[in-house]
């Protein structure tokens, strides 16, 4: 029998792992709403955990098989390494403390969960473990997408010229290497234990969103559209709302986001530039609010962090990450921002690209990409996940 394409297998695994986490969230929701209180739900969760262990084993086997291929590119090697480390993180959480099953192990604990007595730590740990599995799903799906993009000219559907396509490829390679370094360090450095939820929640989403945008402007027929929707919806359910974060941070900034969304539905021949101008201005405003000039000057006087007596973008990003002692995270943030904004900046300047070729779906992917980046930066400011 001819082995199945490993990328198809990865896509199926990503879908299965996402569906698995949905089972746990559904069980918790049913209990919280008091629509069910029975030993049956504990049994179904136990069965799902057994299925999930098999999925983890399959993930490890597929990644090892891909690494044995002689023709894989350096970028594919990097994402495979990242996902192997990510899988070890999830398995370690599962083995060391099976917090999900503990919540459902008896009728009395279920009753206590409903009443909220003494189970807050267990419930928080369970959600963190489920969220981490969801993010592994996104990372596996990103690997499958990257494999499909690996031999293509990036941005060919958007009319991007060859010079900018090569620049986008360079940004993607740098982001992939940074992602690998960050996940590898997170899997091995015990000192990052307190920051692990932050890293494993947001870095995979950022990487997935970047690949998703590149896929939208490069590949005509996206065969796994339903799987993409399933994973995207799971990520939305797992992450805080950008609207809520902006409202809490500065209500004025949320108006810029609404402007970008409105531009998406406007019947305007120049709407691509209107959309990207709004999201670029929003990003700039958030970045400067998170890292004000005077605060940066008090934090550092290093000459390489300033240009014309103003902090550089790199200085602002390093300032945001200053409380997190993790150089790979700082590098990932820099590469993430560079990759996310390169396309937006090109649209705004009118260089490299024929705007009229961008569809509403492609523009929506760009807006979602910047929204995701804003959530990441807003969460980084306090070094927390939620």
Protein backbone atom coordinates (compact mmCIF):
# COMPACT_ATOMS: atom_id res chain seq x y z
CA UNK A 1 0.00 0.00 0.00
CA UNK A 2 1.33 3.44 -0.98
CA UNK A 3 1.72 5.68 2.11
CA UNK A 4 -0.57 8.71 2.22
CA UNK A 5 0.92 12.12 1.52
CA UNK A 6 2.27 13.24 4.93
CA UNK A 7 0.84 16.71 4.41
CA UNK A 8 -2.64 15.25 3.97
CA UNK A 9 -2.03 13.21 7.12
CA UNK A 10 -0.98 16.36 9.01
CA UNK A 11 -4.12 18.17 7.90
CA UNK A 12 -6.26 15.27 9.09
CA UNK A 13 -4.40 15.19 12.42
CA UNK A 14 -4.88 18.92 12.89
CA UNK A 15 -8.60 18.50 12.28
CA UNK A 16 -8.84 15.51 14.63
CA UNK A 17 -6.96 17.26 17.44
CA UNK A 18 -9.18 20.33 17.07
CA UNK A 19 -12.32 18.18 17.19
CA UNK A 20 -10.90 16.44 20.26
CA UNK A 21 -10.49 19.70 22.16
CA UNK A 22 -14.02 20.66 21.14
CA UNK A 23 -15.27 17.56 22.98
CA UNK A 24 -13.75 18.79 26.24
CA UNK A 25 -15.04 22.33 25.87
CA UNK A 26 -18.49 20.99 25.07
CA UNK A 27 -18.42 18.78 28.18
CA UNK A 28 -17.38 21.71 30.36
CA UNK A 29 -20.06 23.95 28.85
CA UNK A 30 -22.77 21.34 29.45
CA UNK A 31 -21.71 20.94 33.05
CA UNK A 32 -21.45 24.69 33.63
CA UNK A 33 -24.99 25.13 32.27
CA UNK A 34 -26.12 22.20 34.43
CA UNK A 35 -27.64 20.49 31.41
CA UNK A 36 -25.99 17.21 32.41
CA UNK A 37 -24.67 15.73 35.63
CA UNK A 38 -23.79 12.09 35.19
CA UNK A 39 -20.96 9.61 35.15
CA UNK A 40 -21.56 9.22 31.43
CA UNK A 41 -19.80 12.46 30.60
CA UNK A 42 -16.72 11.34 32.54
CA UNK A 43 -16.69 8.13 30.51
CA UNK A 44 -16.89 9.98 27.19
CA UNK A 45 -14.03 12.29 28.20
CA UNK A 46 -11.91 9.27 29.20
CA UNK A 47 -12.55 7.71 25.79
CA UNK A 48 -11.58 10.92 24.05
CA UNK A 49 -8.33 11.14 26.00
CA UNK A 50 -7.44 7.64 24.82
CA UNK A 51 -8.13 8.66 21.21
CA UNK A 52 -5.99 11.75 21.70
CA UNK A 53 -3.03 9.71 22.91
CA UNK A 54 -3.17 7.85 19.61
CA UNK A 55 -3.23 11.15 17.72
CA UNK A 56 -0.11 12.32 19.54
CA UNK A 57 1.65 9.07 18.63
CA UNK A 58 0.65 9.53 14.98
CA UNK A 59 1.93 13.11 15.00
CA UNK A 60 5.33 12.00 16.25
CA UNK A 61 5.54 9.22 13.65
CA UNK A 62 4.61 11.50 10.73
CA UNK A 63 7.07 14.22 11.73
CA UNK A 64 9.88 11.68 12.03
CA UNK A 65 9.02 10.29 8.59
CA UNK A 66 9.09 13.75 7.00
CA UNK A 67 12.52 14.48 8.50
CA UNK A 68 13.87 11.41 6.71
CA UNK A 69 13.03 12.86 3.28
CA UNK A 70 16.15 14.01 1.46
CA UNK A 71 14.43 16.72 -0.55
CA UNK A 72 12.78 18.84 2.14
CA UNK A 73 13.76 22.50 2.26
CA UNK A 74 15.40 24.23 5.26
CA UNK A 75 12.08 25.92 6.05
CA UNK A 76 10.27 22.59 6.18
CA UNK A 77 13.03 21.20 8.38
CA UNK A 78 12.53 24.16 10.74
CA UNK A 79 8.76 23.80 11.02
CA UNK A 80 9.03 20.03 11.50
CA UNK A 81 11.51 20.61 14.34
CA UNK A 82 9.20 23.21 15.87
CA UNK A 83 6.21 20.89 15.72
CA UNK A 84 8.17 17.97 17.17
CA UNK A 85 9.09 20.20 20.13
CA UNK A 86 5.51 21.45 20.37
CA UNK A 87 4.18 17.89 20.46
CA UNK A 88 6.58 17.08 23.30
CA UNK A 89 5.26 20.07 25.26
CA UNK A 90 1.67 18.89 24.88
CA UNK A 91 2.51 15.28 25.71
CA UNK A 92 4.48 16.38 28.78
CA UNK A 93 1.50 18.32 30.09
CA UNK A 94 -0.75 15.34 29.43
CA UNK A 95 1.53 12.79 31.09
CA UNK A 96 2.64 14.79 34.10
CA UNK A 97 -0.83 15.86 35.18
CA UNK A 98 -3.89 14.68 33.31
CA UNK A 99 -5.90 17.64 34.53
CA UNK A 100 -8.70 17.16 32.02
CA UNK A 101 -9.63 13.70 33.25
CA UNK A 102 -9.32 14.75 36.91
CA UNK A 103 -12.12 17.25 36.53
CA UNK A 104 -14.49 14.56 35.28
CA UNK A 105 -13.33 11.64 37.41
CA UNK A 106 -16.30 11.51 39.74
CA UNK A 107 -19.81 12.77 40.40
CA UNK A 108 -18.68 14.70 43.48
CA UNK A 109 -16.00 16.60 41.57
CA UNK A 110 -18.51 17.45 38.87
CA UNK A 111 -20.84 18.87 41.49
CA UNK A 112 -17.96 20.84 43.01
CA UNK A 113 -17.06 22.20 39.57
CA UNK A 114 -20.61 23.48 39.17
CA UNK A 115 -20.47 25.11 42.59
CA UNK A 116 -16.95 26.44 41.96
CA UNK A 117 -15.58 24.95 45.18
CA UNK A 118 -11.84 24.29 45.29
CA UNK A 119 -11.41 23.45 41.64
CA UNK A 120 -10.37 26.78 40.16
CA UNK A 121 -6.71 25.74 39.73
CA UNK A 122 -7.67 22.43 38.14
CA UNK A 123 -10.10 24.10 35.78
CA UNK A 124 -7.53 26.74 34.77
CA UNK A 125 -4.92 24.04 34.17
CA UNK A 126 -7.37 22.02 32.12
CA UNK A 127 -8.18 24.94 29.85
CA UNK A 128 -4.46 25.71 29.43
CA UNK A 129 -3.81 22.11 28.43
CA UNK A 130 -6.71 22.08 25.95
CA UNK A 131 -5.65 25.43 24.49
CA UNK A 132 -2.10 24.12 23.98
CA UNK A 133 -3.45 21.14 22.05
CA UNK A 134 -5.50 23.50 19.87
CA UNK A 135 -2.42 25.55 19.10
CA UNK A 136 -0.51 22.39 18.14
CA UNK A 137 -3.35 21.75 15.67
CA UNK A 138 -2.81 25.20 14.16
CA UNK A 139 0.94 24.65 13.94
CA UNK A 140 0.51 21.29 12.20
CA UNK A 141 -1.95 22.84 9.76
CA UNK A 142 0.55 25.65 9.10
CA UNK A 143 3.22 23.07 8.27
CA UNK A 144 0.94 21.42 5.71
CA UNK A 145 0.18 24.82 4.16
CA UNK A 146 3.86 25.75 4.08
CA UNK A 147 4.65 22.55 2.20
CA UNK A 148 2.11 23.50 -0.47
CA UNK A 149 3.63 26.99 -0.74
CA UNK A 150 7.25 25.87 -0.66
CA UNK A 151 7.74 25.56 -4.43
CA UNK A 152 5.42 28.38 -5.53
CA UNK A 153 5.98 32.06 -6.28
CA UNK A 154 4.48 33.85 -3.29
CA UNK A 155 1.80 36.42 -4.03
CA UNK A 156 1.27 35.40 -7.65
CA UNK A 157 -2.51 35.90 -7.38
CA UNK A 158 -2.06 39.48 -6.16
CA UNK A 159 0.13 40.67 -9.01
CA UNK A 160 3.25 40.95 -6.84
CA UNK A 161 6.47 41.45 -8.75
CA UNK A 162 9.42 39.06 -8.46
CA UNK A 163 11.52 41.32 -6.25
CA UNK A 164 8.83 41.62 -3.61
CA UNK A 165 7.95 37.94 -3.88
CA UNK A 166 11.57 37.11 -3.03
CA UNK A 167 11.45 39.55 -0.12
CA UNK A 168 8.30 37.85 1.19
CA UNK A 169 10.02 34.47 0.89
CA UNK A 170 12.94 35.79 2.93
CA UNK A 171 10.59 37.14 5.60
CA UNK A 172 8.83 33.78 5.75
CA UNK A 173 12.11 31.86 6.11
CA UNK A 174 13.22 34.18 8.91
CA UNK A 175 9.88 33.86 10.69
CA UNK A 176 9.96 30.07 10.36
CA UNK A 177 13.46 29.89 11.85
CA UNK A 178 12.46 32.23 14.68
CA UNK A 179 9.38 30.13 15.35
CA UNK A 180 11.50 26.97 15.49
CA UNK A 181 13.99 28.56 17.90
CA UNK A 182 11.23 29.84 20.17
CA UNK A 183 9.31 26.55 20.39
CA UNK A 184 12.53 24.53 20.79
CA UNK A 185 13.59 26.77 23.71
CA UNK A 186 10.12 26.67 25.26
CA UNK A 187 10.29 22.87 25.22
CA UNK A 188 13.64 22.69 26.99
CA UNK A 189 14.16 25.75 29.20
CA UNK A 190 12.59 25.25 32.62
CA UNK A 191 12.99 28.93 33.48
CA UNK A 192 10.32 29.73 30.88
CA UNK A 193 7.67 27.64 32.61
CA UNK A 194 5.71 30.69 33.73
CA UNK A 195 5.76 32.10 30.19
CA UNK A 196 4.94 28.83 28.45
CA UNK A 197 1.18 29.56 28.12
CA UNK A 198 1.96 32.91 26.50
CA UNK A 199 4.43 31.40 24.04
CA UNK A 200 2.45 28.30 23.10
CA UNK A 201 -0.79 30.24 22.71
CA UNK A 202 0.23 33.21 20.59
CA UNK A 203 3.31 32.25 18.57
CA UNK A 204 1.52 29.36 16.77
CA UNK A 205 -1.44 31.60 15.96
CA UNK A 206 0.84 34.28 14.53
CA UNK A 207 2.67 31.74 12.40
CA UNK A 208 -0.60 30.18 11.21
CA UNK A 209 -2.08 33.59 10.31
CA UNK A 210 1.00 34.54 8.28
CA UNK A 211 0.88 31.30 6.31
CA UNK A 212 -2.87 31.77 5.83
CA UNK A 213 -2.38 35.21 4.22
CA UNK A 214 0.38 33.91 1.95
CA UNK A 215 -1.83 31.00 0.91
CA UNK A 216 -4.71 33.39 0.13
CA UNK A 217 -2.60 35.46 -2.27
CA UNK A 218 -0.77 32.50 -3.82
CA UNK A 219 -3.02 29.44 -4.21
CA UNK A 220 -6.21 29.49 -6.33
CA UNK A 221 -8.10 26.53 -4.90
CA UNK A 222 -7.67 25.95 -1.18
CA UNK A 223 -8.68 22.31 -0.86
CA UNK A 224 -8.96 22.26 2.94
CA UNK A 225 -11.36 25.17 3.32
CA UNK A 226 -13.64 23.37 5.79
CA UNK A 227 -10.68 22.30 7.91
CA UNK A 228 -9.39 25.87 7.86
CA UNK A 229 -12.75 27.16 9.12
CA UNK A 230 -12.80 24.56 11.88
CA UNK A 231 -9.31 25.51 13.10
CA UNK A 232 -9.95 29.26 12.69
CA UNK A 233 -13.14 29.04 14.76
CA UNK A 234 -11.35 27.06 17.46
CA UNK A 235 -8.63 29.74 17.62
CA UNK A 236 -11.25 32.48 17.90
CA UNK A 237 -12.89 30.60 20.79
CA UNK A 238 -9.53 30.22 22.54
CA UNK A 239 -8.26 33.79 22.27
CA UNK A 240 -9.39 37.12 23.70
CA UNK A 241 -11.26 39.44 21.37
CA UNK A 242 -9.21 42.19 19.73
CA UNK A 243 -12.25 44.45 20.09
CA UNK A 244 -12.41 43.91 23.85
CA UNK A 245 -8.67 44.37 24.28
CA UNK A 246 -8.66 47.61 22.31
CA UNK A 247 -11.72 48.92 24.15
CA UNK A 248 -9.99 48.27 27.46
CA UNK A 249 -6.68 49.70 26.28
CA UNK A 250 -7.87 52.82 24.46
CA UNK A 251 -11.41 53.16 23.14
CA UNK A 252 -10.22 55.55 20.42
CA UNK A 253 -8.13 52.81 18.81
CA UNK A 254 -11.10 50.51 18.31
CA UNK A 255 -12.57 53.09 15.91
CA UNK A 256 -9.65 52.58 13.53
CA UNK A 257 -10.32 48.85 13.50
CA UNK A 258 -13.99 49.45 12.75
CA UNK A 259 -12.87 51.72 9.91
CA UNK A 260 -10.78 48.96 8.37
CA UNK A 261 -13.68 46.52 8.57
CA UNK A 262 -16.03 49.06 7.03
CA UNK A 263 -13.60 49.63 4.18
CA UNK A 264 -13.80 45.90 3.44
CA UNK A 265 -17.45 46.15 2.50
CA UNK A 266 -17.33 49.54 0.78
CA UNK A 267 -17.73 49.59 -3.00
CA UNK A 268 -14.59 51.61 -3.65
CA UNK A 269 -12.03 50.91 -6.39
CA UNK A 270 -9.26 52.01 -4.00
CA UNK A 271 -10.58 50.02 -1.04
CA UNK A 272 -7.44 47.86 -0.74
CA UNK A 273 -5.44 50.94 0.17
CA UNK A 274 -8.22 52.20 2.45
CA UNK A 275 -8.23 48.89 4.32
CA UNK A 276 -4.48 48.65 4.71
CA UNK A 277 -4.09 52.35 5.58
CA UNK A 278 -6.52 51.84 8.45
CA UNK A 279 -4.84 48.72 9.82
CA UNK A 280 -1.35 50.23 9.40
CA UNK A 281 -2.37 53.36 11.30
CA UNK A 282 -4.00 51.21 13.97
CA UNK A 283 -0.83 49.17 14.39
CA UNK A 284 1.29 52.32 14.64
CA UNK A 285 -0.99 53.86 17.26
CA UNK A 286 -1.03 50.69 19.37
CA UNK A 287 2.75 50.22 19.11
CA UNK A 288 3.45 53.80 20.18
CA UNK A 289 0.95 53.58 23.03
CA UNK A 290 2.54 50.35 24.29
CA UNK A 291 6.05 51.78 23.94
CA UNK A 292 6.02 55.60 24.32
CA UNK A 293 9.15 57.57 23.40
CA UNK A 294 9.87 58.84 26.91
CA UNK A 295 9.45 55.41 28.50
CA UNK A 296 11.91 53.92 26.03
CA UNK A 297 14.47 56.67 26.71
CA UNK A 298 14.26 55.92 30.42
CA UNK A 299 14.67 52.22 29.74
CA UNK A 300 17.62 52.42 27.31
CA UNK A 301 20.01 54.93 25.78
CA UNK A 302 21.58 52.48 23.34
CA UNK A 303 22.30 54.39 20.08
CA UNK A 304 21.27 51.51 17.81
CA UNK A 305 17.72 51.73 19.19
CA UNK A 306 17.22 55.30 17.98
CA UNK A 307 17.06 57.05 14.61
CA UNK A 308 16.85 60.83 14.36
CA UNK A 309 16.41 60.85 18.13
CA UNK A 310 13.26 58.71 17.89
CA UNK A 311 12.99 55.09 19.02
CA UNK A 312 13.10 52.59 16.17
CA UNK A 313 10.39 49.99 15.71
CA UNK A 314 12.81 47.39 17.01
CA UNK A 315 13.32 49.48 20.17
CA UNK A 316 9.58 49.60 20.77
CA UNK A 317 9.19 45.85 20.30
CA UNK A 318 12.11 45.09 22.62
CA UNK A 319 10.59 47.44 25.18
CA UNK A 320 7.29 45.55 25.05
CA UNK A 321 9.17 42.26 25.61
CA UNK A 322 11.46 43.64 28.32
CA UNK A 323 9.82 41.77 31.21
CA UNK A 324 10.17 38.41 29.47
CA UNK A 325 13.70 37.07 29.66
CA UNK A 326 13.66 35.20 26.37
CA UNK A 327 15.74 36.40 23.42
CA UNK A 328 14.10 33.91 21.00
CA UNK A 329 10.72 35.47 21.82
CA UNK A 330 12.02 38.97 21.08
CA UNK A 331 13.44 37.77 17.75
CA UNK A 332 10.18 36.05 16.89
CA UNK A 333 8.22 39.23 17.64
CA UNK A 334 10.51 41.26 15.38
CA UNK A 335 10.26 38.79 12.50
CA UNK A 336 6.52 38.44 13.04
CA UNK A 337 5.92 42.18 12.79
CA UNK A 338 8.21 42.49 9.75
CA UNK A 339 6.39 39.68 7.93
CA UNK A 340 2.92 40.97 8.82
CA UNK A 341 3.59 44.57 7.78
CA UNK A 342 5.62 44.04 4.62
CA UNK A 343 2.54 43.33 2.54
CA UNK A 344 0.51 46.10 4.18
CA UNK A 345 3.27 48.65 3.67
CA UNK A 346 3.62 47.66 0.03
CA UNK A 347 -0.09 48.22 -0.54
CA UNK A 348 0.06 51.62 1.12
CA UNK A 349 3.03 52.75 -0.94
CA UNK A 350 1.59 51.41 -4.18
CA UNK A 351 4.81 49.55 -4.99
CA UNK A 352 5.33 45.94 -6.05
CA UNK A 353 1.66 45.08 -6.30
CA UNK A 354 -1.43 45.48 -8.47
CA UNK A 355 -4.13 46.30 -5.92
CA UNK A 356 -7.09 45.63 -8.20
CA UNK A 357 -6.31 41.91 -8.12
CA UNK A 358 -6.97 41.58 -4.40
CA UNK A 359 -10.28 39.91 -3.54
CA UNK A 360 -12.42 40.56 -0.49
CA UNK A 361 -11.32 37.23 0.95
CA UNK A 362 -7.66 38.19 0.58
CA UNK A 363 -8.22 41.59 2.17
CA UNK A 364 -10.12 39.93 5.02
CA UNK A 365 -7.13 37.65 5.61
CA UNK A 366 -4.88 40.71 5.82
CA UNK A 367 -7.16 42.38 8.37
CA UNK A 368 -7.33 39.17 10.44
CA UNK A 369 -3.54 38.96 10.31
CA UNK A 370 -3.10 42.45 11.76
CA UNK A 371 -5.85 41.85 14.35
CA UNK A 372 -4.00 38.75 15.51
CA UNK A 373 -0.73 40.68 15.73
CA UNK A 374 -2.40 43.38 17.86
CA UNK A 375 -3.76 40.78 20.28
CA UNK A 376 -0.26 39.30 20.57
CA UNK A 377 1.36 42.66 21.34
CA UNK A 378 -1.35 43.69 23.79
CA UNK A 379 -0.91 40.42 25.67
CA UNK A 380 2.86 40.68 25.62
CA UNK A 381 2.82 43.98 27.47
CA UNK A 382 2.14 42.23 30.76
CA UNK A 383 3.75 38.93 29.82
CA UNK A 384 0.51 37.06 30.16
CA UNK A 385 -1.68 34.83 28.04
CA UNK A 386 -5.17 36.10 28.92
